[in-house]
PDB file of N, CA and C in Angstrom:
ATOM      1  N   MET A   1    -181.260  30.014  76.431  1.00  0.00           N
ATOM      2  CA  MET A   1    -179.972  30.817  76.374  1.00  0.00           C
ATOM      3  C   MET A   1    -179.538  29.613  75.282  1.00  0.00           C
ATOM      4  N   THR A   2    -178.247  30.207  74.465  1.00  0.00           N
ATOM      5  CA  THR A   2    -177.587  29.209  73.346  1.00  0.00           C
ATOM      6  C   THR A   2    -176.232  29.243  73.195  1.00  0.00           C
ATOM      7  N   LEU A   3    -176.099  27.981  73.545  1.00  0.00           N
ATOM      8  CA  LEU A   3    -174.444  28.048  74.396  1.00  0.00           C
ATOM      9  C   LEU A   3    -173.777  27.132  72.414  1.00  0.00           C
ATOM     10  N   HIS A   4    -172.350  28.202  72.793  1.00  0.00           N
ATOM     11  CA  HIS A   4    -171.932  27.679  71.184  1.00  0.00           C
ATOM     12  C   HIS A   4    -170.617  26.736  71.253  1.00  0.00           C
ATOM     13  N   ARG A   5    -170.474  25.975  70.673  1.00  0.00           N
ATOM     14  CA  ARG A   5    -169.270  24.393  71.037  1.00  0.00           C
ATOM     15  C   ARG A   5    -169.159  25.003  69.937  1.00  0.00           C
ATOM     16  N   LEU A   6    -167.148  24.917  69.850  1.00  0.00           N
ATOM     17  CA  LEU A   6    -166.430  24.511  68.947  1.00  0.00           C
ATOM     18  C   LEU A   6    -165.963  23.049  68.826  1.00  0.00           C
ATOM     19  N   GLU A   7    -165.949  22.647  67.524  1.00  0.00           N
ATOM     20  CA  GLU A   7    -164.962  21.072  67.947  1.00  0.00           C
ATOM     21  C   GLU A   7    -163.570  21.434  66.621  1.00  0.00           C
ATOM     22  N   VAL A   8    -162.701  21.155  67.084  1.00  0.00           N
ATOM     23  CA  VAL A   8    -161.507  21.306  66.469  1.00  0.00           C
ATOM     24  C   VAL A   8    -161.043  19.580  65.992  1.00  0.00           C
ATOM     25  N   TYR A   9    -161.432  18.800  65.054  1.00  0.00           N
ATOM     26  CA  TYR A   9    -160.459  17.582  64.538  1.00  0.00           C
ATOM     27  C   TYR A   9    -159.026  17.271  63.450  1.00  0.00           C
ATOM     28  N   LEU A  10    -158.081  16.770  64.120  1.00  0.00           N
ATOM     29  CA  LEU A  10    -157.039  16.925  63.596  1.00  0.00           C
ATOM     30  C   LEU A  10    -156.929  15.710  62.715  1.00  0.00           C
ATOM     31  N   ASP A  11    -157.068  15.875  61.588  1.00  0.00           N
ATOM     32  CA  ASP A  11    -157.201  14.546  60.464  1.00  0.00           C
ATOM     33  C   ASP A  11    -158.302  13.741  60.749  1.00  0.00           C
ATOM     34  N   SER A  12    -159.216  13.149  61.455  1.00  0.00           N
ATOM     35  CA  SER A  12    -160.236  12.927  61.273  1.00  0.00           C
ATOM     36  C   SER A  12    -161.226  13.519  62.141  1.00  0.00           C
ATOM     37  N   TYR A  13    -162.309  13.354  62.494  1.00  0.00           N
ATOM     38  CA  TYR A  13    -163.803  13.304  62.939  1.00  0.00           C
ATOM     39  C   TYR A  13    -164.109  12.081  63.585  1.00  0.00           C
ATOM     40  N   ASN A  14    -162.998  10.801  63.723  1.00  0.00           N
ATOM     41  CA  ASN A  14    -163.100   9.991  64.674  1.00  0.00           C
ATOM     42  C   ASN A  14    -161.649  10.190  66.014  1.00  0.00           C
ATOM     43  N   SER A  15    -160.773  11.529  65.843  1.00  0.00           N
ATOM     44  CA  SER A  15    -159.874  11.406  66.366  1.00  0.00           C
ATOM     45  C   SER A  15    -160.161  12.685  67.572  1.00  0.00           C
ATOM     46  N   GLU A  16    -159.895  12.141  68.204  1.00  0.00           N
ATOM     47  CA  GLU A  16    -160.000  13.214  70.139  1.00  0.00           C
ATOM     48  C   GLU A  16    -159.867  14.685  69.816  1.00  0.00           C
ATOM     49  N   PRO A  17    -161.367  15.725  69.687  1.00  0.00           N
ATOM     50  CA  PRO A  17    -161.175  17.031  69.031  1.00  0.00           C
ATOM     51  C   PRO A  17    -160.261  18.163  70.525  1.00  0.00           C
ATOM     52  N   PHE A  18    -160.423  18.899  69.803  1.00  0.00           N
ATOM     53  CA  PHE A  18    -160.147  20.314  70.878  1.00  0.00           C
ATOM     54  C   PHE A  18    -161.732  21.242  71.241  1.00  0.00           C
ATOM     55  N   VAL A  19    -162.333  21.112  72.217  1.00  0.00           N
ATOM     56  CA  VAL A  19    -163.522  21.504  71.997  1.00  0.00           C
ATOM     57  C   VAL A  19    -163.209  22.860  72.910  1.00  0.00           C
ATOM     58  N   ARG A  20    -164.426  23.548  73.032  1.00  0.00           N
ATOM     59  CA  ARG A  20    -164.565  24.778  73.055  1.00  0.00           C
ATOM     60  C   ARG A  20    -166.414  25.351  73.847  1.00  0.00           C
ATOM     61  N   GLU A  21    -167.259  25.600  74.953  1.00  0.00           N
ATOM     62  CA  GLU A  21    -167.866  26.017  74.879  1.00  0.00           C
ATOM     63  C   GLU A  21    -167.940  27.219  74.978  1.00  0.00           C
ATOM     64  N   TYR A  22    -168.895  28.378  75.011  1.00  0.00           N
ATOM     65  CA  TYR A  22    -169.106  29.613  75.191  1.00  0.00           C
ATOM     66  C   TYR A  22    -170.627  29.911  75.357  1.00  0.00           C
ATOM     67  N   ASP A  23    -170.526  30.905  75.985  1.00  0.00           N
ATOM     68  CA  ASP A  23    -172.097  31.268  76.250  1.00  0.00           C
ATOM     69  C   ASP A  23    -172.882  32.404  75.434  1.00  0.00           C
ATOM     70  N   ASP A  24    -171.359  32.966  74.856  1.00  0.00           N
ATOM     71  CA  ASP A  24    -171.186  34.522  73.558  1.00  0.00           C
ATOM     72  C   ASP A  24    -169.995  34.025  72.451  1.00  0.00           C
ATOM     73  N   LYS A  25    -171.199  34.495  71.853  1.00  0.00           N
ATOM     74  CA  LYS A  25    -170.926  33.449  70.368  1.00  0.00           C
ATOM     75  C   LYS A  25    -169.119  34.422  69.955  1.00  0.00           C
ATOM     76  N   THR A  26    -169.145  35.595  70.820  1.00  0.00           N
ATOM     77  CA  THR A  26    -167.744  36.658  70.447  1.00  0.00           C
ATOM     78  C   THR A  26    -166.537  35.992  70.883  1.00  0.00           C
ATOM     79  N   ALA A  27    -166.899  35.505  72.079  1.00  0.00           N
ATOM     80  CA  ALA A  27    -165.402  34.856  73.361  1.00  0.00           C
ATOM     81  C   ALA A  27    -165.270  34.022  72.207  1.00  0.00           C
ATOM     82  N   LEU A  28    -165.722  32.999  71.129  1.00  0.00           N
ATOM     83  CA  LEU A  28    -164.743  32.390  70.947  1.00  0.00           C
ATOM     84  C   LEU A  28    -163.212  32.805  70.331  1.00  0.00           C
ATOM     85  N   SER A  29    -163.208  34.197  69.937  1.00  0.00           N
ATOM     86  CA  SER A  29    -162.053  34.566  69.429  1.00  0.00           C
ATOM     87  C   SER A  29    -160.890  35.316  70.446  1.00  0.00           C
ATOM     88  N   ARG A  30    -161.268  35.650  71.683  1.00  0.00           N
ATOM     89  CA  ARG A  30    -161.105  35.522  72.859  1.00  0.00           C
ATOM     90  C   ARG A  30    -159.335  34.413  73.872  1.00  0.00           C
ATOM     91  N   GLY A  31    -158.649  34.352  73.006  1.00  0.00           N
ATOM     92  CA  GLY A  31    -157.265  33.741  73.235  1.00  0.00           C
ATOM     93  C   GLY A  31    -157.876  32.182  72.717  1.00  0.00           C
ATOM     94  N   PHE A  32    -158.505  32.033  72.081  1.00  0.00           N
ATOM     95  CA  PHE A  32    -158.914  30.836  70.887  1.00  0.00           C
ATOM     96  C   PHE A  32    -157.069  30.281  70.232  1.00  0.00           C
ATOM     97  N   ASP A  33    -156.745  30.980  69.292  1.00  0.00           N
ATOM     98  CA  ASP A  33    -155.654  30.786  68.413  1.00  0.00           C
ATOM     99  C   ASP A  33    -154.594  29.995  69.033  1.00  0.00           C
ATOM    100  N   SER A  34    -153.603  30.987  70.192  1.00  0.00           N
ATOM    101  CA  SER A  34    -152.932  30.115  71.234  1.00  0.00           C
ATOM    102  C   SER A  34    -153.060  28.293  72.098  1.00  0.00           C
ATOM    103  N   MET A  35    -153.954  28.490  72.196  1.00  0.00           N
ATOM    104  CA  MET A  35    -155.475  27.718  72.971  1.00  0.00           C
ATOM    105  C   MET A  35    -154.734  26.248  71.975  1.00  0.00           C
ATOM    106  N   LEU A  36    -155.108  26.719  70.118  1.00  0.00           N
ATOM    107  CA  LEU A  36    -155.841  25.688  69.541  1.00  0.00           C
ATOM    108  C   LEU A  36    -154.569  25.159  69.304  1.00  0.00           C
ATOM    109  N   GLU A  37    -153.469  26.690  69.118  1.00  0.00           N
ATOM    110  CA  GLU A  37    -151.920  26.172  67.996  1.00  0.00           C
ATOM    111  C   GLU A  37    -151.099  24.918  69.073  1.00  0.00           C
ATOM    112  N   HIS A  38    -152.205  25.664  70.742  1.00  0.00           N
ATOM    113  CA  HIS A  38    -150.979  24.503  71.803  1.00  0.00           C
ATOM    114  C   HIS A  38    -150.977  23.143  71.413  1.00  0.00           C
ATOM    115  N   TRP A  39    -152.896  23.100  71.957  1.00  0.00           N
ATOM    116  CA  TRP A  39    -153.143  21.238  71.276  1.00  0.00           C
ATOM    117  C   TRP A  39    -152.859  20.889  70.370  1.00  0.00           C
ATOM    118  N   ILE A  40    -153.080  21.693  68.503  1.00  0.00           N
ATOM    119  CA  ILE A  40    -152.179  20.785  67.936  1.00  0.00           C
ATOM    120  C   ILE A  40    -150.667  20.552  67.609  1.00  0.00           C
ATOM    121  N   GLN A  41    -149.813  21.190  68.466  1.00  0.00           N
ATOM    122  CA  GLN A  41    -148.535  21.094  68.921  1.00  0.00           C
ATOM    123  C   GLN A  41    -148.280  19.377  69.534  1.00  0.00           C
ATOM    124  N   GLN A  42    -149.074  19.743  70.581  1.00  0.00           N
ATOM    125  CA  GLN A  42    -149.124  18.647  71.688  1.00  0.00           C
ATOM    126  C   GLN A  42    -149.237  17.001  71.090  1.00  0.00           C
ATOM    127  N   THR A  43    -150.800  17.318  70.101  1.00  0.00           N
ATOM    128  CA  THR A  43    -150.943  16.389  69.022  1.00  0.00           C
ATOM    129  C   THR A  43    -150.261  15.700  68.220  1.00  0.00           C
ATOM    130  N   ALA A  44    -149.453  16.848  67.343  1.00  0.00           N
ATOM    131  CA  ALA A  44    -149.025  16.350  66.364  1.00  0.00           C
ATOM    132  C   ALA A  44    -147.306  16.302  66.672  1.00  0.00           C
ATOM    133  N   GLY A  45    -147.050  16.543  67.948  1.00  0.00           N
ATOM    134  CA  GLY A  45    -145.831  16.072  67.988  1.00  0.00           C
ATOM    135  C   GLY A  45    -144.439  17.442  67.910  1.00  0.00           C
ATOM    136  N   ARG A  46    -145.166  18.699  66.755  1.00  0.00           N
ATOM    137  CA  ARG A  46    -143.612  18.919  66.783  1.00  0.00           C
ATOM    138  C   ARG A  46    -144.636  20.262  66.278  1.00  0.00           C
ATOM    139  N   ARG A  47    -144.433  21.442  66.678  1.00  0.00           N
ATOM    140  CA  ARG A  47    -144.173  22.932  66.300  1.00  0.00           C
ATOM    141  C   ARG A  47    -145.242  23.530  64.911  1.00  0.00           C
ATOM    142  N   VAL A  48    -145.883  24.210  64.806  1.00  0.00           N
ATOM    143  CA  VAL A  48    -147.008  24.721  63.956  1.00  0.00           C
ATOM    144  C   VAL A  48    -147.704  25.955  64.202  1.00  0.00           C
ATOM    145  N   ASP A  49    -147.250  26.660  63.022  1.00  0.00           N
ATOM    146  CA  ASP A  49    -148.002  27.991  63.170  1.00  0.00           C
ATOM    147  C   ASP A  49    -149.544  27.338  62.543  1.00  0.00           C
ATOM    148  N   ILE A  50    -150.595  28.017  63.881  1.00  0.00           N
ATOM    149  CA  ILE A  50    -151.365  27.674  62.610  1.00  0.00           C
ATOM    150  C   ILE A  50    -152.536  28.761  61.593  1.00  0.00           C
ATOM    151  N   THR A  51    -151.308  29.963  61.065  1.00  0.00           N
ATOM    152  CA  THR A  51    -151.735  30.098  60.269  1.00  0.00           C
ATOM    153  C   THR A  51    -151.353  30.181  59.177  1.00  0.00           C
ATOM    154  N   THR A  52    -149.783  29.358  59.343  1.00  0.00           N
ATOM    155  CA  THR A  52    -149.364  28.874  57.935  1.00  0.00           C
ATOM    156  C   THR A  52    -149.429  26.827  57.644  1.00  0.00           C
ATOM    157  N   ASP A  53    -148.998  26.398  58.669  1.00  0.00           N
ATOM    158  CA  ASP A  53    -149.590  25.117  58.574  1.00  0.00           C
ATOM    159  C   ASP A  53    -150.441  24.199  58.316  1.00  0.00           C
ATOM    160  N   LEU A  54    -151.710  24.770  58.737  1.00  0.00           N
ATOM    161  CA  LEU A  54    -152.940  23.974  58.891  1.00  0.00           C
ATOM    162  C   LEU A  54    -153.710  24.716  57.920  1.00  0.00           C
ATOM    163  N   ARG A  55    -154.666  23.708  57.196  1.00  0.00           N
ATOM    164  CA  ARG A  55    -155.528  23.599  56.365  1.00  0.00           C
ATOM    165  C   ARG A  55    -157.416  22.930  57.166  1.00  0.00           C
ATOM    166  N   VAL A  56    -157.814  24.136  56.505  1.00  0.00           N
ATOM    167  CA  VAL A  56    -159.367  22.997  57.416  1.00  0.00           C
ATOM    168  C   VAL A  56    -159.944  22.372  55.506  1.00  0.00           C
ATOM    169  N   GLN A  57    -160.232  21.200  56.227  1.00  0.00           N
ATOM    170  CA  GLN A  57    -160.528  20.361  54.998  1.00  0.00           C
ATOM    171  C   GLN A  57    -162.385  19.797  54.883  1.00  0.00           C
ATOM    172  N   ASP A  58    -163.178  20.283  56.497  1.00  0.00           N
ATOM    173  CA  ASP A  58    -164.107  20.142  56.188  1.00  0.00           C
ATOM    174  C   ASP A  58    -165.073  20.649  57.301  1.00  0.00           C
ATOM    175  N   ILE A  59    -165.905  21.974  57.062  1.00  0.00           N
ATOM    176  CA  ILE A  59    -167.083  22.079  58.430  1.00  0.00           C
ATOM    177  C   ILE A  59    -168.091  21.789  58.454  1.00  0.00           C
ATOM    178  N   ARG A  60    -168.486  21.015  60.016  1.00  0.00           N
ATOM    179  CA  ARG A  60    -169.921  21.034  60.255  1.00  0.00           C
ATOM    180  C   ARG A  60    -170.749  21.478  60.756  1.00  0.00           C
ATOM    181  N   GLN A  61    -171.896  22.165  60.581  1.00  0.00           N
ATOM    182  CA  GLN A  61    -172.859  22.906  61.786  1.00  0.00           C
ATOM    183  C   GLN A  61    -173.936  21.487  62.098  1.00  0.00           C
ATOM    184  N   GLN A  62    -173.429  21.992  63.252  1.00  0.00           N
ATOM    185  CA  GLN A  62    -175.000  21.133  64.162  1.00  0.00           C
ATOM    186  C   GLN A  62    -176.177  22.196  65.039  1.00  0.00           C
ATOM    187  N   ALA A  63    -176.874  21.443  65.070  1.00  0.00           N
ATOM    188  CA  ALA A  63    -177.696  21.809  66.591  1.00  0.00           C
ATOM    189  C   ALA A  63    -178.746  20.988  67.318  1.00  0.00           C
ATOM    190  N   ALA A  64    -178.575  21.374  68.691  1.00  0.00           N
ATOM    191  CA  ALA A  64    -179.211  20.146  69.333  1.00  0.00           C
ATOM    192  C   ALA A  64    -179.127  21.090  70.643  1.00  0.00           C
ATOM    193  N   SER A  65    -180.440  20.378  71.593  1.00  0.00           N
ATOM    194  CA  SER A  65    -180.692  21.180  72.435  1.00  0.00           C
ATOM    195  C   SER A  65    -181.027  20.526  73.408  1.00  0.00           C
ATOM    196  N   SER A  66    -180.725  20.663  74.942  1.00  0.00           N
ATOM    197  CA  SER A  66    -180.757  19.844  76.120  1.00  0.00           C
ATOM    198  C   SER A  66    -182.253  20.829  77.374  1.00  0.00           C
ATOM    199  N   ILE A  67    -182.295  20.304  77.945  1.00  0.00           N
ATOM    200  CA  ILE A  67    -183.250  20.626  78.949  1.00  0.00           C
ATOM    201  C   ILE A  67    -183.240  22.620  79.327  1.00  0.00           C
ATOM    202  N   GLN A  68    -182.408  22.398  79.079  1.00  0.00           N
ATOM    203  CA  GLN A  68    -181.981  24.208  79.332  1.00  0.00           C
ATOM    204  C   GLN A  68    -181.653  24.935  78.601  1.00  0.00           C
ATOM    205  N   ASN A  69    -180.777  24.741  77.316  1.00  0.00           N
ATOM    206  CA  ASN A  69    -180.116  25.355  76.502  1.00  0.00           C
ATOM    207  C   ASN A  69    -180.025  24.565  74.830  1.00  0.00           C
ATOM    208  N   LEU A  70    -179.895  25.411  74.365  1.00  0.00           N
ATOM    209  CA  LEU A  70    -179.786  25.338  72.906  1.00  0.00           C
ATOM    210  C   LEU A  70    -178.483  25.106  72.511  1.00  0.00           C
ATOM    211  N   ILE A  71    -177.854  24.561  71.929  1.00  0.00           N
ATOM    212  CA  ILE A  71    -176.532  24.152  71.303  1.00  0.00           C
ATOM    213  C   ILE A  71    -176.297  24.118  70.374  1.00  0.00           C
ATOM    214  N   SER A  72    -175.433  25.380  69.943  1.00  0.00           N
ATOM    215  CA  SER A  72    -174.818  25.445  68.631  1.00  0.00           C
ATOM    216  C   SER A  72    -173.092  24.989  68.247  1.00  0.00           C
ATOM    217  N   ALA A  73    -173.188  24.375  67.404  1.00  0.00           N
ATOM    218  CA  ALA A  73    -171.596  23.509  67.164  1.00  0.00           C
ATOM    219  C   ALA A  73    -171.336  23.810  65.724  1.00  0.00           C
ATOM    220  N   THR A  74    -170.072  23.738  66.145  1.00  0.00           N
ATOM    221  CA  THR A  74    -169.474  24.221  64.848  1.00  0.00           C
ATOM    222  C   THR A  74    -168.020  23.161  64.641  1.00  0.00           C
ATOM    223  N   CYS A  75    -168.105  22.296  63.605  1.00  0.00           N
ATOM    224  CA  CYS A  75    -167.460  21.252  63.644  1.00  0.00           C
ATOM    225  C   CYS A  75    -166.194  21.142  62.673  1.00  0.00           C
ATOM    226  N   LEU A  76    -165.058  21.327  62.863  1.00  0.00           N
ATOM    227  CA  LEU A  76    -163.865  21.783  62.143  1.00  0.00           C
ATOM    228  C   LEU A  76    -162.994  20.195  61.471  1.00  0.00           C
ATOM    229  N   ARG A  77    -162.927  19.733  60.382  1.00  0.00           N
ATOM    230  CA  ARG A  77    -161.595  18.863  60.417  1.00  0.00           C
ATOM    231  C   ARG A  77    -160.846  19.635  59.766  1.00  0.00           C
ATOM    232  N   VAL A  78    -159.888  19.425  60.542  1.00  0.00           N
ATOM    233  CA  VAL A  78    -158.226  20.349  60.090  1.00  0.00           C
ATOM    234  C   VAL A  78    -157.331  19.444  59.594  1.00  0.00           C
ATOM    235  N   LYS A  79    -156.116  20.075  58.960  1.00  0.00           N
ATOM    236  CA  LYS A  79    -155.024  18.829  58.371  1.00  0.00           C
ATOM    237  C   LYS A  79    -153.653  19.970  58.521  1.00  0.00           C
ATOM    238  N   LEU A  80    -152.630  19.334  59.079  1.00  0.00           N
ATOM    239  CA  LEU A  80    -151.134  19.916  59.163  1.00  0.00           C
ATOM    240  C   LEU A  80    -150.449  20.108  57.825  1.00  0.00           C
ATOM    241  N   ILE A  81    -149.930  20.082  56.932  1.00  0.00           N
ATOM    242  CA  ILE A  81    -149.485  20.296  55.837  1.00  0.00           C
ATOM    243  C   ILE A  81    -147.916  20.365  56.256  1.00  0.00           C
ATOM    244  N   ASP A  82    -147.599  19.421  55.188  1.00  0.00           N
ATOM    245  CA  ASP A  82    -146.186  18.870  55.155  1.00  0.00           C
ATOM    246  C   ASP A  82    -145.127  20.162  55.034  1.00  0.00           C
ATOM    247  N   PRO A  83    -144.723  20.276  56.155  1.00  0.00           N
ATOM    248  CA  PRO A  83    -143.702  21.329  55.445  1.00  0.00           C
ATOM    249  C   PRO A  83    -142.084  21.662  54.413  1.00  0.00           C
ATOM    250  N   THR A  84    -142.665  20.195  54.218  1.00  0.00           N
ATOM    251  CA  THR A  84    -141.339  19.559  53.279  1.00  0.00           C
ATOM    252  C   THR A  84    -142.153  19.658  51.568  1.00  0.00           C
ATOM    253  N   SER A  85    -143.245  19.955  51.912  1.00  0.00           N
ATOM    254  CA  SER A  85    -143.444  19.964  50.689  1.00  0.00           C
ATOM    255  C   SER A  85    -144.078  21.430  49.620  1.00  0.00           C
TER     256      SER A  85
END
């Protein structure tokens, strides 16, 4: 069985990530936008629209395995766009 993991980092891979794990790749889209937007707003301390205020800086794919599962991870490093620029 493959476990799909999504990690979103705000500004740096050293920051605390937003993490979601799913056993079905298609499950990533269900409710993901609102959860991510809420997490970024709490982390950034301001209101954010992820469709206009967020830019993907980097994407990494990783694969690992545990005793029972293959883990496929996608890691995104994102940056907020300055609303004044």
